[in-house]
Amino acid sequence: MSALGIETAGLGEQGDPARPRPRRPGLALAGFALPVVLAVLWEVAVRSGFANGRLMPPPSVVGATLWSLAASGELFTHAAATLWRVAAGFALGAAAGTLLGAITGALPVARGLIDPTLQALRAIPSIAWVPLFILWLGIFEASKVALIAVGVFFPVYLGVAAAIQGIDRKIVEVGRVFRLGRLAMARRVLLPAILPAWITALRSGLGLGFMFVVAAEIMGASEGLGYLLVDGQQLGRPDTIIAAIISFAVLGKLADGLLVALTRPVLAWQDTARDKL
């Protein structure tokens, strides 16, 4: 039997091996099992008197705080302010990181001139930028967005630069065999080769954007989930602090899911082991 016949016979009832299996709803819901179990255990521990819920309130108290903030509209106001800052900072940081990453990854001269400085700046803690940005840009939105953009920039820059430098030489040689021009080589060979790493870098940058927005909103913000954190600290309200943390987690997960959904079509050509598991 020919190799083609063997492959066809192997398909059988399984269908096209390149077609990803649909995700089972049970597996998606299983991700909620651990936090739900931990929340129930803590609620039981506090209600039964085995634990003190003053500094770590039980889920029922945190839920009541979230409901109160949502009913008053305060939660949506803070969440909207945080999302706007993250979106603006992410757009600026991702664009700059992609551009400079592509330049330093593709041009050895630019890599030698620019990369050492950027690697040194990458080691600076986020909080160290706060007084400088306030001095340069003031205490309002510009300084906050700039700080978030810095957080997003570095993982995107590193991901793009490393992806370009790590392109397999064999696929470039294939493009040359087919006599592709520079533009065709970039569009049909180089761009698809770096897309997976670029999208992973964007997801890393988005996660850091949500981390940096906390530092950004601590510096004089009058609204935002970071401001809600500080407000809970000053008022001695751990339930407010935990409610803000949970809101950060939910918004971050939703934003990451949206980014994955938007970028999934550009990776539809991939035939990875993940799709077969």
Protein backbone atom coordinates (compact mmCIF):
# COMPACT_ATOMS: atom_id res chain seq x y z
CA MET A 1 0.00 0.00 0.00
CA SER A 2 1.36 3.45 -0.87
CA ALA A 3 2.19 6.06 1.70
CA LEU A 4 -0.83 8.06 0.52
CA GLY A 5 -3.03 5.02 1.04
CA ILE A 6 -1.66 4.49 4.53
CA GLU A 7 -2.33 8.13 5.43
CA THR A 8 -5.87 7.95 4.04
CA ALA A 9 -6.60 4.75 5.88
CA GLY A 10 -5.22 6.25 9.04
CA LEU A 11 -7.71 9.10 8.87
CA GLY A 12 -10.72 6.78 9.15
CA GLU A 13 -13.35 8.20 11.43
CA GLN A 14 -10.98 10.72 12.88
CA GLY A 15 -11.29 13.07 9.89
CA ASP A 16 -8.68 15.58 8.86
CA PRO A 17 -5.72 15.43 11.27
CA ALA A 18 -5.03 19.10 10.63
CA ARG A 19 -8.44 20.09 11.92
CA PRO A 20 -8.23 21.06 15.63
CA ARG A 21 -10.48 19.19 17.99
CA PRO A 22 -13.25 21.31 19.49
CA ARG A 23 -12.63 22.29 23.08
CA ARG A 24 -14.79 20.42 25.54
CA PRO A 25 -16.95 22.68 27.74
CA GLY A 26 -16.08 20.53 30.75
CA LEU A 27 -12.38 21.37 30.43
CA ALA A 28 -13.12 25.09 30.22
CA LEU A 29 -15.28 24.96 33.34
CA ALA A 30 -12.68 22.88 35.19
CA GLY A 31 -10.48 25.96 35.41
CA PHE A 32 -12.94 27.46 37.91
CA ALA A 33 -12.81 24.43 40.19
CA LEU A 34 -9.71 25.38 42.21
CA PRO A 35 -10.71 28.98 43.11
CA VAL A 36 -14.28 27.90 43.90
CA VAL A 37 -13.10 25.09 46.19
CA LEU A 38 -10.65 27.39 47.99
CA ALA A 39 -13.36 30.04 48.42
CA VAL A 40 -15.82 27.52 49.86
CA LEU A 41 -13.21 26.13 52.26
CA TRP A 42 -12.32 29.60 53.52
CA GLU A 43 -15.98 30.51 53.94
CA VAL A 44 -16.55 27.37 55.99
CA ALA A 45 -13.42 27.99 58.07
CA VAL A 46 -14.49 31.54 58.95
CA ARG A 47 -18.11 30.67 59.68
CA SER A 48 -17.12 27.74 61.88
CA GLY A 49 -14.69 29.87 63.88
CA PHE A 50 -11.51 28.07 62.79
CA ALA A 51 -10.18 31.24 61.12
CA ASN A 52 -10.45 34.95 61.72
CA GLY A 53 -12.01 36.75 58.76
CA ARG A 54 -11.02 40.27 59.84
CA LEU A 55 -7.90 40.64 57.69
CA MET A 56 -8.96 38.07 55.09
CA PRO A 57 -12.74 38.41 54.70
CA PRO A 58 -14.75 35.37 53.57
CA PRO A 59 -16.12 35.25 50.02
CA SER A 60 -19.59 36.25 51.20
CA VAL A 61 -18.29 39.58 52.53
CA VAL A 62 -16.19 40.22 49.43
CA GLY A 63 -19.16 39.34 47.23
CA ALA A 64 -21.37 41.76 49.13
CA THR A 65 -18.77 44.50 48.66
CA LEU A 66 -18.55 43.79 44.93
CA TRP A 67 -22.33 43.87 44.66
CA SER A 68 -22.50 47.17 46.55
CA LEU A 69 -19.83 48.74 44.32
CA ALA A 70 -21.56 47.45 41.19
CA ALA A 71 -25.02 48.59 42.32
CA SER A 72 -23.75 52.11 42.97
CA GLY A 73 -21.96 52.21 39.59
CA GLU A 74 -18.64 52.88 41.32
CA LEU A 75 -17.12 49.58 40.20
CA PHE A 76 -17.89 50.22 36.54
CA THR A 77 -16.45 53.74 36.75
CA HIS A 78 -13.18 52.45 38.21
CA ALA A 79 -13.02 49.51 35.79
CA ALA A 80 -13.65 51.74 32.76
CA ALA A 81 -10.88 54.14 33.81
CA THR A 82 -8.43 51.27 34.29
CA LEU A 83 -9.34 49.65 30.98
CA TRP A 84 -8.90 52.90 29.08
CA ARG A 85 -5.43 53.45 30.54
CA VAL A 86 -4.36 49.87 29.85
CA ALA A 87 -5.70 50.01 26.29
CA ALA A 88 -3.92 53.29 25.51
CA GLY A 89 -0.66 52.20 27.12
CA PHE A 90 -0.84 48.79 25.45
CA ALA A 91 -1.36 50.32 22.00
CA LEU A 92 1.62 52.67 22.39
CA GLY A 93 3.93 50.14 24.03
CA ALA A 94 3.08 47.31 21.62
CA ALA A 95 3.57 49.52 18.56
CA ALA A 96 6.93 50.84 19.77
CA GLY A 97 8.10 47.40 20.93
CA THR A 98 7.16 45.79 17.61
CA LEU A 99 8.89 48.48 15.57
CA LEU A 100 12.13 48.57 17.54
CA GLY A 101 12.15 44.79 17.95
CA ALA A 102 11.86 44.36 14.19
CA ILE A 103 14.65 46.89 13.56
CA THR A 104 17.12 45.45 16.07
CA GLY A 105 16.23 41.87 15.16
CA ALA A 106 16.74 42.39 11.44
CA LEU A 107 19.69 44.83 11.44
CA PRO A 108 22.88 43.85 13.31
CA VAL A 109 24.10 47.48 13.28
CA ALA A 110 20.90 48.71 14.96
CA ARG A 111 21.10 45.82 17.42
CA GLY A 112 24.60 46.83 18.44
CA LEU A 113 23.64 50.49 18.85
CA ILE A 114 20.19 50.25 20.47
CA ASP A 115 19.86 46.93 22.26
CA PRO A 116 22.41 47.49 25.10
CA THR A 117 20.66 50.70 26.15
CA LEU A 118 17.22 49.09 26.08
CA GLN A 119 18.46 46.10 28.07
CA ALA A 120 19.79 48.48 30.73
CA LEU A 121 16.49 50.40 30.84
CA ARG A 122 14.59 47.13 31.15
CA ALA A 123 16.20 46.52 34.56
CA ILE A 124 14.75 49.73 36.03
CA PRO A 125 11.83 49.03 38.43
CA SER A 126 8.47 50.38 37.33
CA ILE A 127 8.05 52.53 40.43
CA ALA A 128 11.33 54.35 39.62
CA TRP A 129 9.75 55.86 36.50
CA VAL A 130 6.87 57.42 38.48
CA PRO A 131 8.56 60.63 39.75
CA LEU A 132 10.23 61.23 36.38
CA PHE A 133 7.00 60.86 34.41
CA ILE A 134 5.15 63.10 36.85
CA LEU A 135 7.88 65.73 36.43
CA TRP A 136 7.80 65.46 32.63
CA LEU A 137 4.12 64.86 31.91
CA GLY A 138 2.27 66.03 34.99
CA ILE A 139 0.07 64.06 37.34
CA PHE A 140 -2.80 63.46 34.94
CA GLU A 141 -3.44 60.79 32.28
CA ALA A 142 -0.35 61.26 30.11
CA SER A 143 2.06 60.11 32.83
CA LYS A 144 -0.08 57.08 33.66
CA VAL A 145 -0.38 55.96 30.05
CA ALA A 146 3.36 56.47 29.54
CA LEU A 147 4.17 54.25 32.52
CA ILE A 148 1.91 51.48 31.24
CA ALA A 149 3.45 51.79 27.77
CA VAL A 150 6.89 51.25 29.28
CA GLY A 151 5.68 48.06 30.94
CA VAL A 152 4.20 46.75 27.70
CA PHE A 153 7.15 47.79 25.54
CA PHE A 154 9.89 45.52 26.84
CA PRO A 155 8.30 42.05 26.54
CA VAL A 156 7.01 42.92 23.06
CA TYR A 157 10.41 44.25 22.01
CA LEU A 158 12.25 41.19 23.32
CA GLY A 159 9.74 38.78 21.79
CA VAL A 160 9.86 40.31 18.32
CA ALA A 161 13.64 40.73 18.26
CA ALA A 162 14.24 37.16 19.45
CA ALA A 163 11.70 35.76 16.99
CA ILE A 164 13.37 37.46 14.03
CA GLN A 165 16.83 36.34 15.09
CA GLY A 166 15.55 32.80 15.63
CA ILE A 167 13.97 32.35 12.18
CA ASP A 168 15.05 29.00 10.75
CA ARG A 169 17.61 29.53 7.98
CA LYS A 170 16.07 26.66 6.02
CA ILE A 171 12.77 28.44 5.41
CA VAL A 172 14.64 31.51 4.19
CA GLU A 173 16.55 29.30 1.77
CA VAL A 174 13.23 27.87 0.53
CA GLY A 175 12.03 31.40 -0.17
CA ARG A 176 15.18 32.10 -2.14
CA VAL A 177 14.75 28.89 -4.12
CA PHE A 178 11.35 30.17 -5.20
CA ARG A 179 13.00 33.51 -6.07
CA LEU A 180 10.86 35.60 -3.76
CA GLY A 181 11.63 39.30 -3.63
CA ARG A 182 12.25 41.18 -0.39
CA LEU A 183 8.62 42.18 0.08
CA ALA A 184 7.30 38.72 -0.83
CA MET A 185 9.92 37.10 1.42
CA ALA A 186 8.82 39.27 4.37
CA ARG A 187 5.09 38.73 3.74
CA ARG A 188 5.07 35.01 2.91
CA VAL A 189 8.02 33.66 4.91
CA LEU A 190 9.32 35.96 7.64
CA LEU A 191 6.02 37.34 8.94
CA PRO A 192 4.33 33.92 9.40
CA ALA A 193 7.51 32.66 11.08
CA ILE A 194 7.44 35.31 13.81
CA LEU A 195 3.66 35.61 14.27
CA PRO A 196 3.33 32.99 17.08
CA ALA A 197 6.16 34.55 19.10
CA TRP A 198 4.81 38.06 18.46
CA ILE A 199 1.34 37.16 19.74
CA THR A 200 2.85 35.51 22.82
CA ALA A 201 4.86 38.69 23.41
CA LEU A 202 1.69 40.77 23.08
CA ARG A 203 -0.01 38.63 25.71
CA SER A 204 2.98 39.04 28.04
CA GLY A 205 2.94 42.79 27.44
CA LEU A 206 -0.78 42.98 28.15
CA GLY A 207 -0.28 41.17 31.46
CA LEU A 208 2.46 43.61 32.46
CA GLY A 209 0.22 46.47 31.38
CA PHE A 210 -2.28 45.45 34.07
CA MET A 211 0.56 45.24 36.59
CA PHE A 212 1.91 48.66 35.70
CA VAL A 213 -1.53 50.28 35.81
CA VAL A 214 -1.56 49.72 39.57
CA ALA A 215 1.61 51.80 39.98
CA ALA A 216 0.20 54.33 37.52
CA GLU A 217 -3.07 54.74 39.40
CA ILE A 218 -1.37 55.04 42.75
CA MET A 219 0.24 58.30 41.61
CA GLY A 220 -2.59 60.73 42.15
CA ALA A 221 -5.50 59.03 40.38
CA SER A 222 -9.04 59.86 41.47
CA GLU A 223 -10.55 56.79 39.84
CA GLY A 224 -9.48 53.34 38.70
CA LEU A 225 -9.08 49.97 40.34
CA GLY A 226 -5.63 50.96 41.60
CA TYR A 227 -7.21 53.95 43.32
CA LEU A 228 -9.79 51.57 44.81
CA LEU A 229 -6.92 49.50 46.24
CA VAL A 230 -5.37 52.55 47.90
CA ASP A 231 -8.75 53.72 49.15
CA GLY A 232 -9.36 50.33 50.76
CA GLN A 233 -5.94 50.47 52.42
CA GLN A 234 -6.46 53.95 53.82
CA LEU A 235 -9.91 53.10 55.15
CA GLY A 236 -8.80 49.75 56.57
CA ARG A 237 -11.22 47.82 54.33
CA PRO A 238 -9.63 44.50 53.29
CA ASP A 239 -12.89 43.52 51.58
CA THR A 240 -12.51 46.53 49.24
CA ILE A 241 -8.89 45.62 48.54
CA ILE A 242 -9.76 42.02 47.69
CA ALA A 243 -12.71 43.17 45.58
CA ALA A 244 -10.34 45.38 43.56
CA ILE A 245 -7.87 42.49 43.18
CA ILE A 246 -10.62 40.18 41.94
CA SER A 247 -11.75 42.87 39.49
CA PHE A 248 -8.18 43.15 38.18
CA ALA A 249 -8.05 39.36 37.73
CA VAL A 250 -11.36 39.24 35.87
CA LEU A 251 -10.55 42.19 33.59
CA GLY A 252 -7.08 40.81 32.86
CA LYS A 253 -8.44 37.39 31.96
CA LEU A 254 -11.16 38.88 29.75
CA ALA A 255 -8.66 41.16 27.99
CA ASP A 256 -6.27 38.25 27.39
CA GLY A 257 -9.13 36.11 26.06
CA LEU A 258 -10.16 38.91 23.70
CA LEU A 259 -6.60 39.25 22.42
CA VAL A 260 -6.37 35.49 21.84
CA ALA A 261 -9.71 35.47 20.02
CA LEU A 262 -8.73 38.40 17.79
CA THR A 263 -5.37 36.88 16.87
CA ARG A 264 -6.56 33.28 16.43
CA PRO A 265 -7.48 33.73 12.73
CA VAL A 266 -3.92 34.75 11.82
CA LEU A 267 -2.62 31.50 13.35
CA ALA A 268 -5.22 29.25 11.73
CA TRP A 269 -2.53 27.83 9.44
CA GLN A 270 -0.67 26.23 12.36
CA ASP A 271 -0.87 22.45 12.80
CA THR A 272 0.45 22.00 16.34
CA ALA A 273 0.44 19.13 18.80
CA ARG A 274 -1.87 21.18 21.03
CA ASP A 275 -4.66 20.80 18.49
CA LYS A 276 -4.42 17.00 18.73
CA LEU A 277 -4.44 16.70 22.53
